[in-house]
């Protein structure tokens, strides 16, 4: 097969996965496709600050008197504001194609500075701020993944389904107790190797060993509230076993969003209470934003998994270090 033919085949497969998963997700979560920004004004507090140390791409907007704007890291907070602006009823939500730049990202087979994901947000009732509601939503997302994989393997018969029949839930503290001598990433590998597909709850909160399983910004996911099972957190990650990489493979980060109490608490825990003065945070503290659940699902990650690719550059066009394409091509890996 020529290089051109192989690339075209890959592009058709990528389009198939994206089209079918987007429809399956929208149907299960009652999502409406909306437009979204690539940049937001810096002083609004709308940009996702990830772990709080990553610097966004910034620039001055001439027509706004030289005010600074930033390329988004994600749309975690913007989507919640959009729910309010569009008056989206509980049980309904929005879905958008998020395109972001994360220039401080370390290059790996799973990471590039270009990020593409389905960013979604669903309006919910205050009484739905429960772990059971979170789990039910995770199961619907996983059903959409399973449906997409089934359809993809029927259309591209060289592939066979590998996703586990169901997704299993664990709290990050459970993993810390089960694997006390392993790092959080090693714990993910071991638990996913055993169960195939898992959702790890409570990412961002300090565990019994004094460390968080992973970082989370304080102003979107609620990782500090006690849930009805007596553990901490209403958020987590969807992780599946990647048979090509023989490793745990994160597909999505998501969660029930902070209410005013959780926001104030988490800003203090992250030692950034001054952020409460941002316009977005003020709206939330005044109770002007809807209760919501939401997350991001990596488009290139899902395509990489479905197409059984070993490098994210095989399913997205990115910027790579000098000589990287040649080195990988020598190994039989062709970047787009």
C-alpha atoms as a PDB file:
ATOM      1  CA  UNK A   1       0.000   0.000   0.000  1.00  0.00           C
ATOM      2  CA  UNK A   2       1.396   3.407  -0.975  1.00  0.00           C
ATOM      3  CA  UNK A   3       1.909   6.091   1.660  1.00  0.00           C
ATOM      4  CA  UNK A   4      -0.836   8.241   0.105  1.00  0.00           C
ATOM      5  CA  UNK A   5      -3.329   5.387   0.049  1.00  0.00           C
ATOM      6  CA  UNK A   6      -2.544   4.516   3.660  1.00  0.00           C
ATOM      7  CA  UNK A   7      -3.025   8.112   4.804  1.00  0.00           C
ATOM      8  CA  UNK A   8      -6.352   8.404   2.975  1.00  0.00           C
ATOM      9  CA  UNK A   9      -7.536   5.159   4.557  1.00  0.00           C
ATOM     10  CA  UNK A  10      -6.551   6.502   7.967  1.00  0.00           C
ATOM     11  CA  UNK A  11      -8.357   9.791   7.330  1.00  0.00           C
ATOM     12  CA  UNK A  12     -11.555   7.955   6.356  1.00  0.00           C
ATOM     13  CA  UNK A  13     -11.347   5.857   9.516  1.00  0.00           C
ATOM     14  CA  UNK A  14     -10.799   8.971  11.655  1.00  0.00           C
ATOM     15  CA  UNK A  15     -13.846  10.651  10.106  1.00  0.00           C
ATOM     16  CA  UNK A  16     -15.945   7.514  10.728  1.00  0.00           C
ATOM     17  CA  UNK A  17     -14.994   7.355  14.414  1.00  0.00           C
ATOM     18  CA  UNK A  18     -15.545  11.061  15.034  1.00  0.00           C
ATOM     19  CA  UNK A  19     -18.911  11.157  13.249  1.00  0.00           C
ATOM     20  CA  UNK A  20     -20.314   8.085  14.970  1.00  0.00           C
ATOM     21  CA  UNK A  21     -19.027   8.783  18.458  1.00  0.00           C
ATOM     22  CA  UNK A  22     -20.307  12.358  18.400  1.00  0.00           C
ATOM     23  CA  UNK A  23     -23.780  11.146  17.455  1.00  0.00           C
ATOM     24  CA  UNK A  24     -23.748   8.350  20.025  1.00  0.00           C
ATOM     25  CA  UNK A  25     -22.620  10.714  22.790  1.00  0.00           C
ATOM     26  CA  UNK A  26     -25.137  13.403  21.863  1.00  0.00           C
ATOM     27  CA  UNK A  27     -27.998  10.909  21.841  1.00  0.00           C
ATOM     28  CA  UNK A  28     -27.152   9.500  25.269  1.00  0.00           C
ATOM     29  CA  UNK A  29     -26.538  12.818  27.024  1.00  0.00           C
ATOM     30  CA  UNK A  30     -29.071  14.981  25.126  1.00  0.00           C
ATOM     31  CA  UNK A  31     -26.402  17.323  23.804  1.00  0.00           C
ATOM     32  CA  UNK A  32     -26.779  20.152  21.301  1.00  0.00           C
ATOM     33  CA  UNK A  33     -23.782  20.984  19.097  1.00  0.00           C
ATOM     34  CA  UNK A  34     -22.631  24.593  19.576  1.00  0.00           C
ATOM     35  CA  UNK A  35     -19.811  26.807  18.344  1.00  0.00           C
ATOM     36  CA  UNK A  36     -16.941  27.612  20.691  1.00  0.00           C
ATOM     37  CA  UNK A  37     -13.959  29.982  20.977  1.00  0.00           C
ATOM     38  CA  UNK A  38     -10.291  29.291  20.384  1.00  0.00           C
ATOM     39  CA  UNK A  39      -9.359  32.199  22.677  1.00  0.00           C
ATOM     40  CA  UNK A  40     -10.860  34.073  25.640  1.00  0.00           C
ATOM     41  CA  UNK A  41      -9.947  37.331  27.364  1.00  0.00           C
ATOM     42  CA  UNK A  42      -7.361  36.738  30.057  1.00  0.00           C
ATOM     43  CA  UNK A  43      -9.061  38.549  32.932  1.00  0.00           C
ATOM     44  CA  UNK A  44     -12.384  36.707  32.737  1.00  0.00           C
ATOM     45  CA  UNK A  45     -11.235  33.586  34.587  1.00  0.00           C
ATOM     46  CA  UNK A  46     -12.720  31.424  31.825  1.00  0.00           C
ATOM     47  CA  UNK A  47      -9.600  29.599  30.697  1.00  0.00           C
ATOM     48  CA  UNK A  48      -8.866  26.182  32.152  1.00  0.00           C
ATOM     49  CA  UNK A  49      -5.676  26.479  34.203  1.00  0.00           C
ATOM     50  CA  UNK A  50      -5.194  22.676  34.278  1.00  0.00           C
ATOM     51  CA  UNK A  51      -2.749  22.002  37.132  1.00  0.00           C
ATOM     52  CA  UNK A  52      -2.199  25.710  37.745  1.00  0.00           C
ATOM     53  CA  UNK A  53       1.352  25.861  36.395  1.00  0.00           C
ATOM     54  CA  UNK A  54       0.892  25.623  32.622  1.00  0.00           C
ATOM     55  CA  UNK A  55       1.218  28.952  30.834  1.00  0.00           C
ATOM     56  CA  UNK A  56      -1.217  29.633  27.982  1.00  0.00           C
ATOM     57  CA  UNK A  57      -0.368  31.255  24.677  1.00  0.00           C
ATOM     58  CA  UNK A  58      -1.233  34.930  25.118  1.00  0.00           C
ATOM     59  CA  UNK A  59      -1.544  37.929  22.821  1.00  0.00           C
ATOM     60  CA  UNK A  60      -2.879  41.481  22.800  1.00  0.00           C
ATOM     61  CA  UNK A  61      -6.130  42.318  21.019  1.00  0.00           C
ATOM     62  CA  UNK A  62      -5.734  45.589  19.139  1.00  0.00           C
ATOM     63  CA  UNK A  63      -9.465  46.253  18.788  1.00  0.00           C
ATOM     64  CA  UNK A  64      -9.937  45.735  22.551  1.00  0.00           C
ATOM     65  CA  UNK A  65      -7.501  48.502  23.496  1.00  0.00           C
ATOM     66  CA  UNK A  66      -4.631  46.066  23.645  1.00  0.00           C
ATOM     67  CA  UNK A  67      -6.255  43.909  26.318  1.00  0.00           C
ATOM     68  CA  UNK A  68      -4.657  40.475  26.755  1.00  0.00           C
ATOM     69  CA  UNK A  69      -6.308  37.283  25.491  1.00  0.00           C
ATOM     70  CA  UNK A  70      -5.230  33.654  25.779  1.00  0.00           C
ATOM     71  CA  UNK A  71      -5.560  30.553  23.610  1.00  0.00           C
ATOM     72  CA  UNK A  72      -7.723  28.155  25.596  1.00  0.00           C
ATOM     73  CA  UNK A  73      -6.367  25.081  27.370  1.00  0.00           C
ATOM     74  CA  UNK A  74      -9.902  23.694  27.427  1.00  0.00           C
ATOM     75  CA  UNK A  75     -13.476  24.995  27.731  1.00  0.00           C
ATOM     76  CA  UNK A  76     -14.231  23.561  31.175  1.00  0.00           C
ATOM     77  CA  UNK A  77     -15.698  26.824  32.517  1.00  0.00           C
ATOM     78  CA  UNK A  78     -16.809  28.463  29.274  1.00  0.00           C
ATOM     79  CA  UNK A  79     -19.334  25.653  28.681  1.00  0.00           C
ATOM     80  CA  UNK A  80     -21.056  26.259  32.000  1.00  0.00           C
ATOM     81  CA  UNK A  81     -21.464  29.926  31.169  1.00  0.00           C
ATOM     82  CA  UNK A  82     -22.874  28.889  27.786  1.00  0.00           C
ATOM     83  CA  UNK A  83     -25.514  26.738  29.484  1.00  0.00           C
ATOM     84  CA  UNK A  84     -26.731  29.871  31.263  1.00  0.00           C
ATOM     85  CA  UNK A  85     -26.599  32.050  28.149  1.00  0.00           C
ATOM     86  CA  UNK A  86     -28.605  29.516  26.111  1.00  0.00           C
ATOM     87  CA  UNK A  87     -30.981  28.732  28.993  1.00  0.00           C
ATOM     88  CA  UNK A  88     -30.358  24.994  28.683  1.00  0.00           C
ATOM     89  CA  UNK A  89     -32.783  22.979  30.822  1.00  0.00           C
ATOM     90  CA  UNK A  90     -31.637  20.266  33.270  1.00  0.00           C
ATOM     91  CA  UNK A  91     -31.069  16.981  31.471  1.00  0.00           C
ATOM     92  CA  UNK A  92     -29.918  18.776  28.327  1.00  0.00           C
ATOM     93  CA  UNK A  93     -26.471  20.038  27.427  1.00  0.00           C
ATOM     94  CA  UNK A  94     -24.011  21.366  24.885  1.00  0.00           C
ATOM     95  CA  UNK A  95     -21.255  19.712  22.869  1.00  0.00           C
ATOM     96  CA  UNK A  96     -18.441  21.444  21.059  1.00  0.00           C
ATOM     97  CA  UNK A  97     -15.293  20.679  19.095  1.00  0.00           C
ATOM     98  CA  UNK A  98     -12.598  22.125  21.335  1.00  0.00           C
ATOM     99  CA  UNK A  99      -9.270  23.049  19.785  1.00  0.00           C
ATOM    100  CA  UNK A 100      -6.514  24.147  22.135  1.00  0.00           C
ATOM    101  CA  UNK A 101      -2.784  24.758  22.358  1.00  0.00           C
ATOM    102  CA  UNK A 102      -0.734  23.576  25.323  1.00  0.00           C
ATOM    103  CA  UNK A 103       2.815  24.620  24.355  1.00  0.00           C
ATOM    104  CA  UNK A 104       4.349  23.437  27.626  1.00  0.00           C
ATOM    105  CA  UNK A 105       3.146  19.874  27.084  1.00  0.00           C
ATOM    106  CA  UNK A 106       5.950  17.317  27.018  1.00  0.00           C
ATOM    107  CA  UNK A 107       6.124  15.397  23.748  1.00  0.00           C
ATOM    108  CA  UNK A 108       5.225  11.713  24.145  1.00  0.00           C
ATOM    109  CA  UNK A 109       3.446   9.168  21.931  1.00  0.00           C
ATOM    110  CA  UNK A 110       0.263  10.305  23.751  1.00  0.00           C
ATOM    111  CA  UNK A 111       0.815  14.069  23.911  1.00  0.00           C
ATOM    112  CA  UNK A 112       1.360  16.938  21.514  1.00  0.00           C
ATOM    113  CA  UNK A 113       0.957  20.678  21.938  1.00  0.00           C
ATOM    114  CA  UNK A 114      -2.247  20.540  19.873  1.00  0.00           C
ATOM    115  CA  UNK A 115      -5.301  19.291  21.764  1.00  0.00           C
ATOM    116  CA  UNK A 116      -8.609  18.312  20.191  1.00  0.00           C
ATOM    117  CA  UNK A 117     -11.476  17.031  22.271  1.00  0.00           C
ATOM    118  CA  UNK A 118     -15.223  16.844  22.554  1.00  0.00           C
ATOM    119  CA  UNK A 119     -16.017  19.300  25.325  1.00  0.00           C
ATOM    120  CA  UNK A 120     -19.495  18.696  26.717  1.00  0.00           C
ATOM    121  CA  UNK A 121     -21.546  20.114  29.569  1.00  0.00           C
ATOM    122  CA  UNK A 122     -24.974  19.053  30.804  1.00  0.00           C
ATOM    123  CA  UNK A 123     -27.274  21.086  33.024  1.00  0.00           C
ATOM    124  CA  UNK A 124     -28.486  19.229  36.114  1.00  0.00           C
ATOM    125  CA  UNK A 125     -30.645  19.663  39.196  1.00  0.00           C
ATOM    126  CA  UNK A 126     -29.049  20.476  42.579  1.00  0.00           C
ATOM    127  CA  UNK A 127     -30.288  17.168  44.004  1.00  0.00           C
ATOM    128  CA  UNK A 128     -28.330  15.337  41.292  1.00  0.00           C
ATOM    129  CA  UNK A 129     -25.014  16.329  42.866  1.00  0.00           C
ATOM    130  CA  UNK A 130     -24.404  12.686  43.812  1.00  0.00           C
ATOM    131  CA  UNK A 131     -21.919   9.954  43.052  1.00  0.00           C
ATOM    132  CA  UNK A 132     -24.720   7.777  41.667  1.00  0.00           C
ATOM    133  CA  UNK A 133     -25.566  10.471  39.100  1.00  0.00           C
ATOM    134  CA  UNK A 134     -21.893  10.750  38.145  1.00  0.00           C
ATOM    135  CA  UNK A 135     -21.639   6.979  37.692  1.00  0.00           C
ATOM    136  CA  UNK A 136     -24.803   6.833  35.584  1.00  0.00           C
ATOM    137  CA  UNK A 137     -23.383   9.514  33.286  1.00  0.00           C
ATOM    138  CA  UNK A 138     -20.057   7.688  32.989  1.00  0.00           C
ATOM    139  CA  UNK A 139     -21.898   4.504  31.994  1.00  0.00           C
ATOM    140  CA  UNK A 140     -23.742   6.346  29.207  1.00  0.00           C
ATOM    141  CA  UNK A 141     -20.453   7.722  27.860  1.00  0.00           C
ATOM    142  CA  UNK A 142     -18.954   4.251  27.964  1.00  0.00           C
ATOM    143  CA  UNK A 143     -21.990   2.890  26.074  1.00  0.00           C
ATOM    144  CA  UNK A 144     -21.272   5.479  23.352  1.00  0.00           C
ATOM    145  CA  UNK A 145     -17.659   4.269  23.173  1.00  0.00           C
ATOM    146  CA  UNK A 146     -18.782   0.643  22.960  1.00  0.00           C
ATOM    147  CA  UNK A 147     -21.313   1.420  20.230  1.00  0.00           C
ATOM    148  CA  UNK A 148     -18.713   3.329  18.210  1.00  0.00           C
ATOM    149  CA  UNK A 149     -16.181   0.507  18.491  1.00  0.00           C
ATOM    150  CA  UNK A 150     -18.795  -2.046  17.379  1.00  0.00           C
ATOM    151  CA  UNK A 151     -19.792   0.007  14.337  1.00  0.00           C
ATOM    152  CA  UNK A 152     -16.178   0.755  13.483  1.00  0.00           C
ATOM    153  CA  UNK A 153     -15.188  -2.911  13.562  1.00  0.00           C
ATOM    154  CA  UNK A 154     -18.172  -3.795  11.366  1.00  0.00           C
ATOM    155  CA  UNK A 155     -17.158  -1.136   8.823  1.00  0.00           C
ATOM    156  CA  UNK A 156     -13.407  -1.808   9.005  1.00  0.00           C
ATOM    157  CA  UNK A 157     -13.295  -5.577   9.299  1.00  0.00           C
ATOM    158  CA  UNK A 158      -9.560  -5.790   9.944  1.00  0.00           C
ATOM    159  CA  UNK A 159     -10.323  -4.664  13.508  1.00  0.00           C
ATOM    160  CA  UNK A 160     -11.994  -6.497  16.387  1.00  0.00           C
ATOM    161  CA  UNK A 161     -13.576  -5.004  19.549  1.00  0.00           C
ATOM    162  CA  UNK A 162     -11.339  -4.865  22.633  1.00  0.00           C
ATOM    163  CA  UNK A 163     -13.265  -2.714  25.124  1.00  0.00           C
ATOM    164  CA  UNK A 164     -14.371  -4.469  28.301  1.00  0.00           C
ATOM    165  CA  UNK A 165     -18.059  -5.334  28.577  1.00  0.00           C
ATOM    166  CA  UNK A 166     -18.510  -2.790  31.340  1.00  0.00           C
ATOM    167  CA  UNK A 167     -16.667  -0.051  33.154  1.00  0.00           C
ATOM    168  CA  UNK A 168     -15.671  -0.593  36.795  1.00  0.00           C
ATOM    169  CA  UNK A 169     -15.505   2.177  39.412  1.00  0.00           C
ATOM    170  CA  UNK A 170     -12.709   2.729  41.926  1.00  0.00           C
ATOM    171  CA  UNK A 171     -11.875   5.609  44.212  1.00  0.00           C
ATOM    172  CA  UNK A 172      -8.320   6.933  44.045  1.00  0.00           C
ATOM    173  CA  UNK A 173      -8.002   6.144  47.761  1.00  0.00           C
ATOM    174  CA  UNK A 174      -8.876   2.492  47.077  1.00  0.00           C
ATOM    175  CA  UNK A 175      -5.980   2.322  44.637  1.00  0.00           C
ATOM    176  CA  UNK A 176      -3.630   3.975  47.130  1.00  0.00           C
ATOM    177  CA  UNK A 177      -4.559   1.301  49.691  1.00  0.00           C
ATOM    178  CA  UNK A 178      -4.338  -1.528  47.173  1.00  0.00           C
ATOM    179  CA  UNK A 179      -0.988  -0.447  45.700  1.00  0.00           C
ATOM    180  CA  UNK A 180       0.782   1.565  48.429  1.00  0.00           C
ATOM    181  CA  UNK A 181       4.227   1.158  46.866  1.00  0.00           C
ATOM    182  CA  UNK A 182       3.217   2.272  43.372  1.00  0.00           C
ATOM    183  CA  UNK A 183       2.917   5.742  41.853  1.00  0.00           C
ATOM    184  CA  UNK A 184      -0.562   6.911  40.795  1.00  0.00           C
ATOM    185  CA  UNK A 185       0.203   6.163  37.134  1.00  0.00           C
ATOM    186  CA  UNK A 186       1.454   2.691  38.035  1.00  0.00           C
ATOM    187  CA  UNK A 187      -1.754   2.131  40.017  1.00  0.00           C
ATOM    188  CA  UNK A 188      -3.769   3.068  36.946  1.00  0.00           C
ATOM    189  CA  UNK A 189      -1.806   0.589  34.870  1.00  0.00           C
ATOM    190  CA  UNK A 190      -2.338  -2.295  37.292  1.00  0.00           C
ATOM    191  CA  UNK A 191      -6.045  -1.730  37.898  1.00  0.00           C
ATOM    192  CA  UNK A 192      -6.796  -1.197  34.196  1.00  0.00           C
ATOM    193  CA  UNK A 193      -4.776  -4.239  33.202  1.00  0.00           C
ATOM    194  CA  UNK A 194      -7.003  -6.290  35.524  1.00  0.00           C
ATOM    195  CA  UNK A 195     -10.423  -4.772  34.746  1.00  0.00           C
ATOM    196  CA  UNK A 196     -10.031  -3.453  31.198  1.00  0.00           C
ATOM    197  CA  UNK A 197     -12.007  -0.217  31.638  1.00  0.00           C
ATOM    198  CA  UNK A 198     -12.157   1.800  34.850  1.00  0.00           C
ATOM    199  CA  UNK A 199     -13.341   5.119  36.196  1.00  0.00           C
ATOM    200  CA  UNK A 200     -11.155   6.530  38.963  1.00  0.00           C
ATOM    201  CA  UNK A 201     -13.072   8.797  41.347  1.00  0.00           C
ATOM    202  CA  UNK A 202     -11.747  11.691  43.410  1.00  0.00           C
ATOM    203  CA  UNK A 203      -8.880  13.017  41.333  1.00  0.00           C
ATOM    204  CA  UNK A 204      -7.499  16.247  42.772  1.00  0.00           C
ATOM    205  CA  UNK A 205      -8.117  15.649  46.473  1.00  0.00           C
ATOM    206  CA  UNK A 206      -5.341  14.765  48.893  1.00  0.00           C
ATOM    207  CA  UNK A 207      -5.266  11.030  49.690  1.00  0.00           C
ATOM    208  CA  UNK A 208      -4.198   9.274  52.892  1.00  0.00           C
ATOM    209  CA  UNK A 209      -0.577   9.301  51.718  1.00  0.00           C
ATOM    210  CA  UNK A 210      -0.673  13.102  51.623  1.00  0.00           C
ATOM    211  CA  UNK A 211      -0.641  13.314  47.820  1.00  0.00           C
ATOM    212  CA  UNK A 212      -3.326  13.771  45.176  1.00  0.00           C
ATOM    213  CA  UNK A 213      -3.763  11.034  42.582  1.00  0.00           C
ATOM    214  CA  UNK A 214      -3.356  13.760  39.944  1.00  0.00           C
ATOM    215  CA  UNK A 215      -3.787  17.501  39.643  1.00  0.00           C
ATOM    216  CA  UNK A 216      -7.085  19.291  39.079  1.00  0.00           C
ATOM    217  CA  UNK A 217      -7.843  22.991  38.906  1.00  0.00           C
ATOM    218  CA  UNK A 218     -10.003  24.239  41.810  1.00  0.00           C
ATOM    219  CA  UNK A 219     -12.729  25.971  39.835  1.00  0.00           C
ATOM    220  CA  UNK A 220     -14.527  23.404  37.702  1.00  0.00           C
ATOM    221  CA  UNK A 221     -14.576  19.771  38.956  1.00  0.00           C
ATOM    222  CA  UNK A 222     -15.805  19.162  42.511  1.00  0.00           C
ATOM    223  CA  UNK A 223     -13.053  16.951  43.946  1.00  0.00           C
ATOM    224  CA  UNK A 224     -13.490  17.957  47.601  1.00  0.00           C
ATOM    225  CA  UNK A 225     -17.137  17.270  48.557  1.00  0.00           C
ATOM    226  CA  UNK A 226     -18.031  14.147  50.505  1.00  0.00           C
ATOM    227  CA  UNK A 227     -20.303  11.862  48.477  1.00  0.00           C
ATOM    228  CA  UNK A 228     -23.026   9.458  49.593  1.00  0.00           C
ATOM    229  CA  UNK A 229     -20.554   6.563  49.789  1.00  0.00           C
ATOM    230  CA  UNK A 230     -18.484   8.404  52.378  1.00  0.00           C
ATOM    231  CA  UNK A 231     -15.523   9.088  50.095  1.00  0.00           C
ATOM    232  CA  UNK A 232     -14.347  12.438  48.754  1.00  0.00           C
ATOM    233  CA  UNK A 233     -14.984  13.709  45.257  1.00  0.00           C
ATOM    234  CA  UNK A 234     -17.572  13.902  42.487  1.00  0.00           C
ATOM    235  CA  UNK A 235     -15.219  13.663  39.523  1.00  0.00           C
ATOM    236  CA  UNK A 236     -12.761  11.325  37.841  1.00  0.00           C
ATOM    237  CA  UNK A 237     -11.147   9.857  34.719  1.00  0.00           C
ATOM    238  CA  UNK A 238     -12.252   7.214  32.217  1.00  0.00           C
ATOM    239  CA  UNK A 239      -9.294   4.909  31.528  1.00  0.00           C
ATOM    240  CA  UNK A 240      -9.225   1.895  29.206  1.00  0.00           C
ATOM    241  CA  UNK A 241      -6.638  -0.781  28.523  1.00  0.00           C
ATOM    242  CA  UNK A 242      -4.750  -0.123  25.302  1.00  0.00           C
ATOM    243  CA  UNK A 243      -3.710  -3.450  23.795  1.00  0.00           C
ATOM    244  CA  UNK A 244      -1.309  -1.808  21.332  1.00  0.00           C
ATOM    245  CA  UNK A 245       0.602   0.116  23.984  1.00  0.00           C
ATOM    246  CA  UNK A 246       0.012  -2.526  26.674  1.00  0.00           C
ATOM    247  CA  UNK A 247      -0.791   0.266  29.113  1.00  0.00           C
ATOM    248  CA  UNK A 248      -3.577   2.247  30.747  1.00  0.00           C
ATOM    249  CA  UNK A 249      -4.993   4.845  28.359  1.00  0.00           C
ATOM    250  CA  UNK A 250      -6.943   7.887  29.568  1.00  0.00           C
ATOM    251  CA  UNK A 251      -9.913   8.760  27.376  1.00  0.00           C
ATOM    252  CA  UNK A 252     -11.712  11.405  29.413  1.00  0.00           C
ATOM    253  CA  UNK A 253     -11.552  13.682  32.434  1.00  0.00           C
ATOM    254  CA  UNK A 254     -14.939  14.741  33.788  1.00  0.00           C
ATOM    255  CA  UNK A 255     -17.047  15.472  36.825  1.00  0.00           C
ATOM    256  CA  UNK A 256     -19.863  17.242  38.582  1.00  0.00           C
ATOM    257  CA  UNK A 257     -18.911  20.897  38.739  1.00  0.00           C
ATOM    258  CA  UNK A 258     -18.294  22.984  41.830  1.00  0.00           C
ATOM    259  CA  UNK A 259     -21.123  24.744  43.608  1.00  0.00           C
ATOM    260  CA  UNK A 260     -20.361  27.966  45.529  1.00  0.00           C
ATOM    261  CA  UNK A 261     -19.324  26.095  48.683  1.00  0.00           C
ATOM    262  CA  UNK A 262     -17.001  23.703  46.856  1.00  0.00           C
ATOM    263  CA  UNK A 263     -15.458  26.550  44.850  1.00  0.00           C
ATOM    264  CA  UNK A 264     -14.624  28.563  47.952  1.00  0.00           C
ATOM    265  CA  UNK A 265     -13.199  25.501  49.679  1.00  0.00           C
ATOM    266  CA  UNK A 266     -11.062  24.444  46.718  1.00  0.00           C
ATOM    267  CA  UNK A 267      -9.700  27.926  46.095  1.00  0.00           C
ATOM    268  CA  UNK A 268      -8.457  27.932  49.687  1.00  0.00           C
ATOM    269  CA  UNK A 269      -7.034  24.411  49.369  1.00  0.00           C
ATOM    270  CA  UNK A 270      -5.143  25.454  46.232  1.00  0.00           C
ATOM    271  CA  UNK A 271      -4.001  28.689  47.895  1.00  0.00           C
ATOM    272  CA  UNK A 272      -5.541  30.953  45.270  1.00  0.00           C
ATOM    273  CA  UNK A 273      -8.550  32.631  46.969  1.00  0.00           C
ATOM    274  CA  UNK A 274      -7.905  35.772  44.924  1.00  0.00           C
ATOM    275  CA  UNK A 275      -9.420  34.034  41.888  1.00  0.00           C
ATOM    276  CA  UNK A 276     -12.818  34.465  43.504  1.00  0.00           C
ATOM    277  CA  UNK A 277     -12.771  38.035  42.161  1.00  0.00           C
ATOM    278  CA  UNK A 278     -12.824  36.930  38.476  1.00  0.00           C
ATOM    279  CA  UNK A 279     -16.136  37.584  36.657  1.00  0.00           C
ATOM    280  CA  UNK A 280     -16.857  33.868  36.105  1.00  0.00           C
ATOM    281  CA  UNK A 281     -16.173  33.004  39.729  1.00  0.00           C
ATOM    282  CA  UNK A 282     -18.299  35.897  40.968  1.00  0.00           C
ATOM    283  CA  UNK A 283     -21.245  34.668  38.885  1.00  0.00           C
ATOM    284  CA  UNK A 284     -20.821  31.189  40.330  1.00  0.00           C
ATOM    285  CA  UNK A 285     -20.573  32.436  43.908  1.00  0.00           C
ATOM    286  CA  UNK A 286     -23.750  34.495  43.434  1.00  0.00           C
ATOM    287  CA  UNK A 287     -25.591  31.369  42.281  1.00  0.00           C
ATOM    288  CA  UNK A 288     -26.112  32.688  38.759  1.00  0.00           C
ATOM    289  CA  UNK A 289     -24.715  29.653  36.925  1.00  0.00           C
ATOM    290  CA  UNK A 290     -26.576  26.353  36.534  1.00  0.00           C
ATOM    291  CA  UNK A 291     -25.522  23.218  38.353  1.00  0.00           C
ATOM    292  CA  UNK A 292     -23.782  21.049  35.778  1.00  0.00           C
ATOM    293  CA  UNK A 293     -21.718  17.998  34.949  1.00  0.00           C
ATOM    294  CA  UNK A 294     -19.222  17.963  32.129  1.00  0.00           C
ATOM    295  CA  UNK A 295     -15.883  16.936  30.767  1.00  0.00           C
ATOM    296  CA  UNK A 296     -13.563  16.534  27.844  1.00  0.00           C
ATOM    297  CA  UNK A 297     -13.132  13.428  25.698  1.00  0.00           C
ATOM    298  CA  UNK A 298      -9.990  13.344  23.624  1.00  0.00           C
ATOM    299  CA  UNK A 299     -10.819  13.094  19.916  1.00  0.00           C
ATOM    300  CA  UNK A 300      -7.341  12.019  18.902  1.00  0.00           C
ATOM    301  CA  UNK A 301      -7.202   9.691  21.916  1.00  0.00           C
ATOM    302  CA  UNK A 302     -10.438   7.950  20.874  1.00  0.00           C
ATOM    303  CA  UNK A 303      -9.265   7.694  17.254  1.00  0.00           C
ATOM    304  CA  UNK A 304      -5.853   6.436  18.327  1.00  0.00           C
ATOM    305  CA  UNK A 305      -7.535   3.721  20.389  1.00  0.00           C
ATOM    306  CA  UNK A 306     -10.067   2.682  17.740  1.00  0.00           C
ATOM    307  CA  UNK A 307      -7.525   2.625  14.890  1.00  0.00           C
ATOM    308  CA  UNK A 308      -4.993   0.734  17.062  1.00  0.00           C
ATOM    309  CA  UNK A 309      -2.309   3.386  16.548  1.00  0.00           C
ATOM    310  CA  UNK A 310       0.779   3.649  18.759  1.00  0.00           C
ATOM    311  CA  UNK A 311       1.423   7.399  18.352  1.00  0.00           C
ATOM    312  CA  UNK A 312      -0.991  10.323  18.543  1.00  0.00           C
ATOM    313  CA  UNK A 313       0.688  11.894  15.504  1.00  0.00           C
ATOM    314  CA  UNK A 314      -0.788   9.078  13.410  1.00  0.00           C
ATOM    315  CA  UNK A 315      -4.289  10.524  13.919  1.00  0.00           C
ATOM    316  CA  UNK A 316      -3.653  14.280  14.165  1.00  0.00           C
ATOM    317  CA  UNK A 317      -1.494  16.838  12.392  1.00  0.00           C
ATOM    318  CA  UNK A 318       0.845  18.316  14.968  1.00  0.00           C
ATOM    319  CA  UNK A 319       4.176  20.057  15.375  1.00  0.00           C
ATOM    320  CA  UNK A 320       6.989  17.648  16.155  1.00  0.00           C
ATOM    321  CA  UNK A 321      10.693  18.053  16.981  1.00  0.00           C
ATOM    322  CA  UNK A 322      13.129  18.143  14.091  1.00  0.00           C
ATOM    323  CA  UNK A 323      13.736  14.676  12.742  1.00  0.00           C
ATOM    324  CA  UNK A 324      10.867  13.092  14.697  1.00  0.00           C
ATOM    325  CA  UNK A 325       8.899  12.161  11.581  1.00  0.00           C
ATOM    326  CA  UNK A 326      11.951  10.565   9.976  1.00  0.00           C
ATOM    327  CA  UNK A 327      12.851   8.663  13.146  1.00  0.00           C
ATOM    328  CA  UNK A 328       9.332   7.330  13.626  1.00  0.00           C
ATOM    329  CA  UNK A 329       8.898   6.490   9.951  1.00  0.00           C
ATOM    330  CA  UNK A 330      12.027   4.354  10.205  1.00  0.00           C
ATOM    331  CA  UNK A 331      10.159   2.446  12.923  1.00  0.00           C
ATOM    332  CA  UNK A 332       7.121   2.036  10.665  1.00  0.00           C
ATOM    333  CA  UNK A 333       5.110   4.855  12.287  1.00  0.00           C
ATOM    334  CA  UNK A 334       3.866   7.451   9.787  1.00  0.00           C
ATOM    335  CA  UNK A 335       2.743  10.775  11.250  1.00  0.00           C
ATOM    336  CA  UNK A 336       0.048  12.764   9.470  1.00  0.00           C
END
